[in-house]
Amino acid sequence: MKILGITGGVGSGKSRILHELENEYGAYIIEADSLAHELMEPGMPIYIDVIKEFGKDILLSDEPYCIDRKKLGNIVFNDENKLKKLNSIIHPAVKKDILRQIEFKRNEGKTPLFVIEAALLIQDGYKDICDEIWYIWVSREERIKRLEKQRGYTREKCISMFESQESDEYYKKYANFTINNENSYENSSKQLKARLNIFL
């Protein structure tokens, strides 16, 4: 079983690449953000730790008293230290669960390709886990156009988000392969297929 890491900035079209890997190549996909949300549900270890750190004011008012991610987001994104604290709770738990799933799928012996998608894949040390890391690249202007159209973001919000992330050069330096996802779906698909022929 090969382990592939996928990363890229917001608006780079990672979802399209993941969809093809899953549907055309039988990959098992884990999206770190979605997994973090699952691990923050009531009864999960992260849920308890986050409430201990940030208090019960972050809970929704009705049962099962889920964490209100919007409230939590407003707290941490205005305070760098609180964001670091939240990440120190979530990221190790997410990685631990991913390692558990890798072990399970490896022992099961039915999964040729295990894919991990995460924004901080390189920063969080997944290079030690993955056989390869791919960076999904799209130009800054094209990403702004997509985010304005698909999510209703302002240009200012997009730029602010980009400035809080690492540069293209950083990702290209540490990734094994870069997919240019700027143009047609067919173009991206050809790049993906060519690399998989080498990787698998």
C-alpha atoms as a PDB file:
ATOM      1  CA  MET A   1       0.000   0.000   0.000  1.00  0.00           C
ATOM      2  CA  LYS A   2       1.353   3.402  -1.026  1.00  0.00           C
ATOM      3  CA  ILE A   3       0.669   6.508   1.065  1.00  0.00           C
ATOM      4  CA  LEU A   4       0.197   9.776  -0.800  1.00  0.00           C
ATOM      5  CA  GLY A   5      -0.055  13.225   0.759  1.00  0.00           C
ATOM      6  CA  ILE A   6      -2.010  15.968  -1.020  1.00  0.00           C
ATOM      7  CA  THR A   7      -1.670  19.625  -0.082  1.00  0.00           C
ATOM      8  CA  GLY A   8      -2.400  23.015  -1.599  1.00  0.00           C
ATOM      9  CA  GLY A   9      -3.824  26.405  -0.790  1.00  0.00           C
ATOM     10  CA  VAL A  10      -7.508  27.221  -0.457  1.00  0.00           C
ATOM     11  CA  GLY A  11      -9.079  27.512  -3.909  1.00  0.00           C
ATOM     12  CA  SER A  12      -6.538  25.249  -5.600  1.00  0.00           C
ATOM     13  CA  GLY A  13      -9.064  22.541  -6.469  1.00  0.00           C
ATOM     14  CA  LYS A  14      -7.808  19.746  -4.230  1.00  0.00           C
ATOM     15  CA  SER A  15     -11.319  18.256  -4.033  1.00  0.00           C
ATOM     16  CA  ARG A  16     -11.328  17.562  -7.763  1.00  0.00           C
ATOM     17  CA  ILE A  17      -8.017  15.718  -7.537  1.00  0.00           C
ATOM     18  CA  LEU A  18      -9.210  13.697  -4.531  1.00  0.00           C
ATOM     19  CA  HIS A  19     -12.422  12.782  -6.355  1.00  0.00           C
ATOM     20  CA  GLU A  20     -10.451  11.376  -9.285  1.00  0.00           C
ATOM     21  CA  LEU A  21      -8.044   9.464  -7.044  1.00  0.00           C
ATOM     22  CA  GLU A  22     -10.979   7.868  -5.241  1.00  0.00           C
ATOM     23  CA  ASN A  23     -13.230   7.113  -8.204  1.00  0.00           C
ATOM     24  CA  GLU A  24     -10.696   6.282 -10.915  1.00  0.00           C
ATOM     25  CA  TYR A  25      -7.899   4.695  -8.877  1.00  0.00           C
ATOM     26  CA  GLY A  26      -9.678   3.220  -5.831  1.00  0.00           C
ATOM     27  CA  ALA A  27      -7.842   5.406  -3.316  1.00  0.00           C
ATOM     28  CA  TYR A  28      -8.903   5.570   0.315  1.00  0.00           C
ATOM     29  CA  ILE A  29      -9.167   9.274   1.161  1.00  0.00           C
ATOM     30  CA  ILE A  30      -8.731  11.022   4.495  1.00  0.00           C
ATOM     31  CA  GLU A  31      -9.278  14.779   4.680  1.00  0.00           C
ATOM     32  CA  ALA A  32      -7.615  16.030   7.853  1.00  0.00           C
ATOM     33  CA  ASP A  33     -10.104  18.885   8.409  1.00  0.00           C
ATOM     34  CA  SER A  34     -13.111  16.558   8.178  1.00  0.00           C
ATOM     35  CA  LEU A  35     -11.429  14.069  10.502  1.00  0.00           C
ATOM     36  CA  ALA A  36     -10.722  16.845  13.018  1.00  0.00           C
ATOM     37  CA  HIS A  37     -14.414  17.764  12.983  1.00  0.00           C
ATOM     38  CA  GLU A  38     -15.358  14.129  13.661  1.00  0.00           C
ATOM     39  CA  LEU A  39     -12.896  13.919  16.544  1.00  0.00           C
ATOM     40  CA  MET A  40     -14.417  17.061  18.069  1.00  0.00           C
ATOM     41  CA  GLU A  41     -17.877  15.513  18.344  1.00  0.00           C
ATOM     42  CA  PRO A  42     -19.389  14.936  21.824  1.00  0.00           C
ATOM     43  CA  GLY A  43     -17.822  11.966  23.598  1.00  0.00           C
ATOM     44  CA  MET A  44     -14.557  12.129  21.671  1.00  0.00           C
ATOM     45  CA  PRO A  45     -11.285  12.930  23.493  1.00  0.00           C
ATOM     46  CA  ILE A  46     -10.684  16.188  21.595  1.00  0.00           C
ATOM     47  CA  TYR A  47     -14.160  17.425  22.576  1.00  0.00           C
ATOM     48  CA  ILE A  48     -13.320  17.185  26.263  1.00  0.00           C
ATOM     49  CA  ASP A  49      -9.860  18.745  25.868  1.00  0.00           C
ATOM     50  CA  VAL A  50     -11.162  21.678  23.792  1.00  0.00           C
ATOM     51  CA  ILE A  51     -13.894  22.473  26.321  1.00  0.00           C
ATOM     52  CA  LYS A  52     -11.377  22.295  29.178  1.00  0.00           C
ATOM     53  CA  GLU A  53      -9.222  24.830  27.360  1.00  0.00           C
ATOM     54  CA  PHE A  54     -11.856  27.198  25.941  1.00  0.00           C
ATOM     55  CA  GLY A  55     -14.823  26.802  28.294  1.00  0.00           C
ATOM     56  CA  LYS A  56     -18.468  25.813  27.871  1.00  0.00           C
ATOM     57  CA  ASP A  57     -19.373  29.079  26.139  1.00  0.00           C
ATOM     58  CA  ILE A  58     -18.230  27.505  22.844  1.00  0.00           C
ATOM     59  CA  LEU A  59     -21.001  24.872  23.005  1.00  0.00           C
ATOM     60  CA  LEU A  60     -24.312  25.026  21.169  1.00  0.00           C
ATOM     61  CA  SER A  61     -27.252  25.481  23.513  1.00  0.00           C
ATOM     62  CA  ASP A  62     -29.129  22.259  22.669  1.00  0.00           C
ATOM     63  CA  GLU A  63     -28.201  18.593  23.119  1.00  0.00           C
ATOM     64  CA  PRO A  64     -25.861  16.914  22.393  1.00  0.00           C
ATOM     65  CA  TYR A  65     -24.073  20.232  23.054  1.00  0.00           C
ATOM     66  CA  CYS A  66     -21.756  20.138  20.078  1.00  0.00           C
ATOM     67  CA  ILE A  67     -18.894  22.584  19.783  1.00  0.00           C
ATOM     68  CA  ASP A  68     -19.914  25.680  17.848  1.00  0.00           C
ATOM     69  CA  ARG A  69     -17.017  25.851  15.407  1.00  0.00           C
ATOM     70  CA  LYS A  70     -17.916  29.405  14.400  1.00  0.00           C
ATOM     71  CA  LYS A  71     -17.627  30.617  18.013  1.00  0.00           C
ATOM     72  CA  LEU A  72     -14.397  28.698  18.466  1.00  0.00           C
ATOM     73  CA  GLY A  73     -13.047  30.084  15.203  1.00  0.00           C
ATOM     74  CA  ASN A  74     -13.788  33.654  16.260  1.00  0.00           C
ATOM     75  CA  ILE A  75     -11.814  33.080  19.464  1.00  0.00           C
ATOM     76  CA  VAL A  76      -8.712  31.464  18.003  1.00  0.00           C
ATOM     77  CA  PHE A  77      -8.302  33.418  14.776  1.00  0.00           C
ATOM     78  CA  ASN A  78      -8.056  36.664  16.699  1.00  0.00           C
ATOM     79  CA  ASP A  79      -5.439  35.287  19.084  1.00  0.00           C
ATOM     80  CA  GLU A  80      -2.319  33.557  17.804  1.00  0.00           C
ATOM     81  CA  ASN A  81      -1.550  31.904  21.150  1.00  0.00           C
ATOM     82  CA  LYS A  82      -5.054  30.444  21.403  1.00  0.00           C
ATOM     83  CA  LEU A  83      -4.819  29.165  17.839  1.00  0.00           C
ATOM     84  CA  LYS A  84      -1.514  27.465  18.665  1.00  0.00           C
ATOM     85  CA  LYS A  85      -3.129  25.908  21.735  1.00  0.00           C
ATOM     86  CA  LEU A  86      -6.073  24.598  19.714  1.00  0.00           C
ATOM     87  CA  ASN A  87      -3.727  23.176  17.082  1.00  0.00           C
ATOM     88  CA  SER A  88      -1.660  21.493  19.816  1.00  0.00           C
ATOM     89  CA  ILE A  89      -4.823  19.646  20.887  1.00  0.00           C
ATOM     90  CA  ILE A  90      -6.204  18.785  17.457  1.00  0.00           C
ATOM     91  CA  HIS A  91      -3.221  18.004  15.233  1.00  0.00           C
ATOM     92  CA  PRO A  92      -1.630  15.216  17.334  1.00  0.00           C
ATOM     93  CA  ALA A  93      -5.030  13.546  17.757  1.00  0.00           C
ATOM     94  CA  VAL A  94      -5.710  13.704  14.021  1.00  0.00           C
ATOM     95  CA  LYS A  95      -2.281  12.271  13.202  1.00  0.00           C
ATOM     96  CA  LYS A  96      -2.749   9.480  15.745  1.00  0.00           C
ATOM     97  CA  ASP A  97      -6.063   8.502  14.161  1.00  0.00           C
ATOM     98  CA  ILE A  98      -4.591   8.626  10.649  1.00  0.00           C
ATOM     99  CA  LEU A  99      -1.759   6.310  11.739  1.00  0.00           C
ATOM    100  CA  ARG A 100      -4.376   3.955  13.230  1.00  0.00           C
ATOM    101  CA  GLN A 101      -6.287   3.906   9.939  1.00  0.00           C
ATOM    102  CA  ILE A 102      -3.103   3.351   7.922  1.00  0.00           C
ATOM    103  CA  GLU A 103      -2.262   0.330  10.085  1.00  0.00           C
ATOM    104  CA  PHE A 104      -5.788  -1.045   9.704  1.00  0.00           C
ATOM    105  CA  LYS A 105      -5.838  -0.634   5.915  1.00  0.00           C
ATOM    106  CA  ARG A 106      -2.351  -2.091   5.573  1.00  0.00           C
ATOM    107  CA  ASN A 107      -3.306  -5.173   7.584  1.00  0.00           C
ATOM    108  CA  GLU A 108      -6.555  -5.510   5.642  1.00  0.00           C
ATOM    109  CA  GLY A 109      -4.531  -5.654   2.422  1.00  0.00           C
ATOM    110  CA  LYS A 110      -7.249  -4.333   0.098  1.00  0.00           C
ATOM    111  CA  THR A 111      -6.185  -0.700  -0.365  1.00  0.00           C
ATOM    112  CA  PRO A 112      -3.547   0.055  -3.032  1.00  0.00           C
ATOM    113  CA  LEU A 113      -3.473   3.794  -2.383  1.00  0.00           C
ATOM    114  CA  PHE A 114      -4.035   5.649   0.905  1.00  0.00           C
ATOM    115  CA  VAL A 115      -4.379   9.421   0.458  1.00  0.00           C
ATOM    116  CA  ILE A 116      -4.067  12.069   3.175  1.00  0.00           C
ATOM    117  CA  GLU A 117      -5.171  15.617   2.357  1.00  0.00           C
ATOM    118  CA  ALA A 118      -4.182  18.388   4.744  1.00  0.00           C
ATOM    119  CA  ALA A 119      -3.356  22.095   4.472  1.00  0.00           C
ATOM    120  CA  LEU A 120      -0.452  21.713   6.920  1.00  0.00           C
ATOM    121  CA  LEU A 121       0.735  18.356   5.635  1.00  0.00           C
ATOM    122  CA  ILE A 122       4.376  19.401   5.357  1.00  0.00           C
ATOM    123  CA  GLN A 123       4.426  21.579   8.470  1.00  0.00           C
ATOM    124  CA  ASP A 124       2.933  18.803  10.619  1.00  0.00           C
ATOM    125  CA  GLY A 125       5.581  16.258   9.632  1.00  0.00           C
ATOM    126  CA  TYR A 126       3.539  14.005   7.341  1.00  0.00           C
ATOM    127  CA  LYS A 127       6.559  13.757   5.029  1.00  0.00           C
ATOM    128  CA  ASP A 128       7.769  11.021   7.388  1.00  0.00           C
ATOM    129  CA  ILE A 129       4.508   9.102   6.887  1.00  0.00           C
ATOM    130  CA  CYS A 130       3.897   9.599   3.149  1.00  0.00           C
ATOM    131  CA  ASP A 131       5.732   7.887   0.306  1.00  0.00           C
ATOM    132  CA  GLU A 132       5.154  11.047  -1.743  1.00  0.00           C
ATOM    133  CA  ILE A 133       3.658  14.506  -1.253  1.00  0.00           C
ATOM    134  CA  TRP A 134       1.919  16.293  -4.124  1.00  0.00           C
ATOM    135  CA  TYR A 135       1.320  20.035  -4.207  1.00  0.00           C
ATOM    136  CA  ILE A 136      -1.757  21.233  -6.100  1.00  0.00           C
ATOM    137  CA  TRP A 137      -0.848  24.578  -7.671  1.00  0.00           C
ATOM    138  CA  VAL A 138      -3.086  27.310  -9.055  1.00  0.00           C
ATOM    139  CA  SER A 139      -2.053  30.946  -9.574  1.00  0.00           C
ATOM    140  CA  ARG A 140      -3.061  33.489  -6.969  1.00  0.00           C
ATOM    141  CA  GLU A 141      -5.385  35.398  -9.331  1.00  0.00           C
ATOM    142  CA  GLU A 142      -7.194  32.246 -10.426  1.00  0.00           C
ATOM    143  CA  ARG A 143      -7.667  31.157  -6.806  1.00  0.00           C
ATOM    144  CA  ILE A 144      -9.157  34.573  -5.984  1.00  0.00           C
ATOM    145  CA  LYS A 145     -11.591  34.255  -8.924  1.00  0.00           C
ATOM    146  CA  ARG A 146     -12.673  30.793  -7.769  1.00  0.00           C
ATOM    147  CA  LEU A 147     -13.129  31.819  -4.138  1.00  0.00           C
ATOM    148  CA  GLU A 148     -15.096  34.939  -5.085  1.00  0.00           C
ATOM    149  CA  LYS A 149     -17.394  32.871  -7.301  1.00  0.00           C
ATOM    150  CA  GLN A 150     -17.730  29.679  -5.250  1.00  0.00           C
ATOM    151  CA  ARG A 151     -17.642  30.990  -1.675  1.00  0.00           C
ATOM    152  CA  GLY A 152     -18.535  34.644  -2.023  1.00  0.00           C
ATOM    153  CA  TYR A 153     -15.226  35.794  -0.500  1.00  0.00           C
ATOM    154  CA  THR A 154     -13.995  39.331  -1.097  1.00  0.00           C
ATOM    155  CA  ARG A 155     -10.646  39.895  -2.766  1.00  0.00           C
ATOM    156  CA  GLU A 156      -9.358  41.337   0.532  1.00  0.00           C
ATOM    157  CA  LYS A 157     -10.353  38.220   2.460  1.00  0.00           C
ATOM    158  CA  CYS A 158      -8.633  35.975  -0.098  1.00  0.00           C
ATOM    159  CA  ILE A 159      -5.399  37.960   0.067  1.00  0.00           C
ATOM    160  CA  SER A 160      -5.484  37.930   3.876  1.00  0.00           C
ATOM    161  CA  MET A 161      -5.868  34.134   3.838  1.00  0.00           C
ATOM    162  CA  PHE A 162      -3.028  33.704   1.350  1.00  0.00           C
ATOM    163  CA  GLU A 163      -0.693  35.854   3.420  1.00  0.00           C
ATOM    164  CA  SER A 164      -1.249  33.625   6.464  1.00  0.00           C
ATOM    165  CA  GLN A 165      -0.059  30.585   4.460  1.00  0.00           C
ATOM    166  CA  GLU A 166       3.343  29.501   3.210  1.00  0.00           C
ATOM    167  CA  SER A 167       4.464  30.549  -0.270  1.00  0.00           C
ATOM    168  CA  ASP A 168       4.254  28.463  -3.442  1.00  0.00           C
ATOM    169  CA  GLU A 169       8.049  28.148  -3.313  1.00  0.00           C
ATOM    170  CA  TYR A 170       7.857  26.564   0.141  1.00  0.00           C
ATOM    171  CA  TYR A 171       5.419  23.885  -0.990  1.00  0.00           C
ATOM    172  CA  LYS A 172       7.241  23.185  -4.231  1.00  0.00           C
ATOM    173  CA  LYS A 173      10.500  22.799  -2.312  1.00  0.00           C
ATOM    174  CA  TYR A 174       9.154  20.067  -0.039  1.00  0.00           C
ATOM    175  CA  ALA A 175       6.698  18.339  -2.371  1.00  0.00           C
ATOM    176  CA  ASN A 176       7.787  15.452  -4.581  1.00  0.00           C
ATOM    177  CA  PHE A 177       5.486  16.547  -7.395  1.00  0.00           C
ATOM    178  CA  THR A 178       3.422  19.603  -8.365  1.00  0.00           C
ATOM    179  CA  ILE A 179       0.162  19.366 -10.314  1.00  0.00           C
ATOM    180  CA  ASN A 180      -0.725  22.480 -12.297  1.00  0.00           C
ATOM    181  CA  ASN A 181      -4.478  22.604 -11.666  1.00  0.00           C
ATOM    182  CA  GLU A 182      -5.029  25.986 -13.309  1.00  0.00           C
ATOM    183  CA  ASN A 183      -6.442  24.924 -16.640  1.00  0.00           C
ATOM    184  CA  SER A 184      -8.758  22.160 -17.820  1.00  0.00           C
ATOM    185  CA  TYR A 185      -9.767  19.073 -15.879  1.00  0.00           C
ATOM    186  CA  GLU A 186      -8.315  16.962 -18.687  1.00  0.00           C
ATOM    187  CA  ASN A 187      -4.929  18.636 -18.306  1.00  0.00           C
ATOM    188  CA  SER A 188      -4.815  17.971 -14.552  1.00  0.00           C
ATOM    189  CA  SER A 189      -5.997  14.399 -15.092  1.00  0.00           C
ATOM    190  CA  LYS A 190      -3.156  13.722 -17.553  1.00  0.00           C
ATOM    191  CA  GLN A 191      -0.560  14.977 -15.048  1.00  0.00           C
ATOM    192  CA  LEU A 192      -2.106  12.856 -12.296  1.00  0.00           C
ATOM    193  CA  LYS A 193      -2.165   9.703 -14.438  1.00  0.00           C
ATOM    194  CA  ALA A 194       1.437  10.153 -15.598  1.00  0.00           C
ATOM    195  CA  ARG A 195       2.714  10.548 -12.044  1.00  0.00           C
ATOM    196  CA  LEU A 196       0.684   7.608 -10.721  1.00  0.00           C
ATOM    197  CA  ASN A 197       2.199   5.388 -13.406  1.00  0.00           C
ATOM    198  CA  ILE A 198       5.592   6.128 -11.822  1.00  0.00           C
ATOM    199  CA  PHE A 199       4.422   6.172  -8.191  1.00  0.00           C
ATOM    200  CA  LEU A 200       2.301   3.029  -7.964  1.00  0.00           C
END
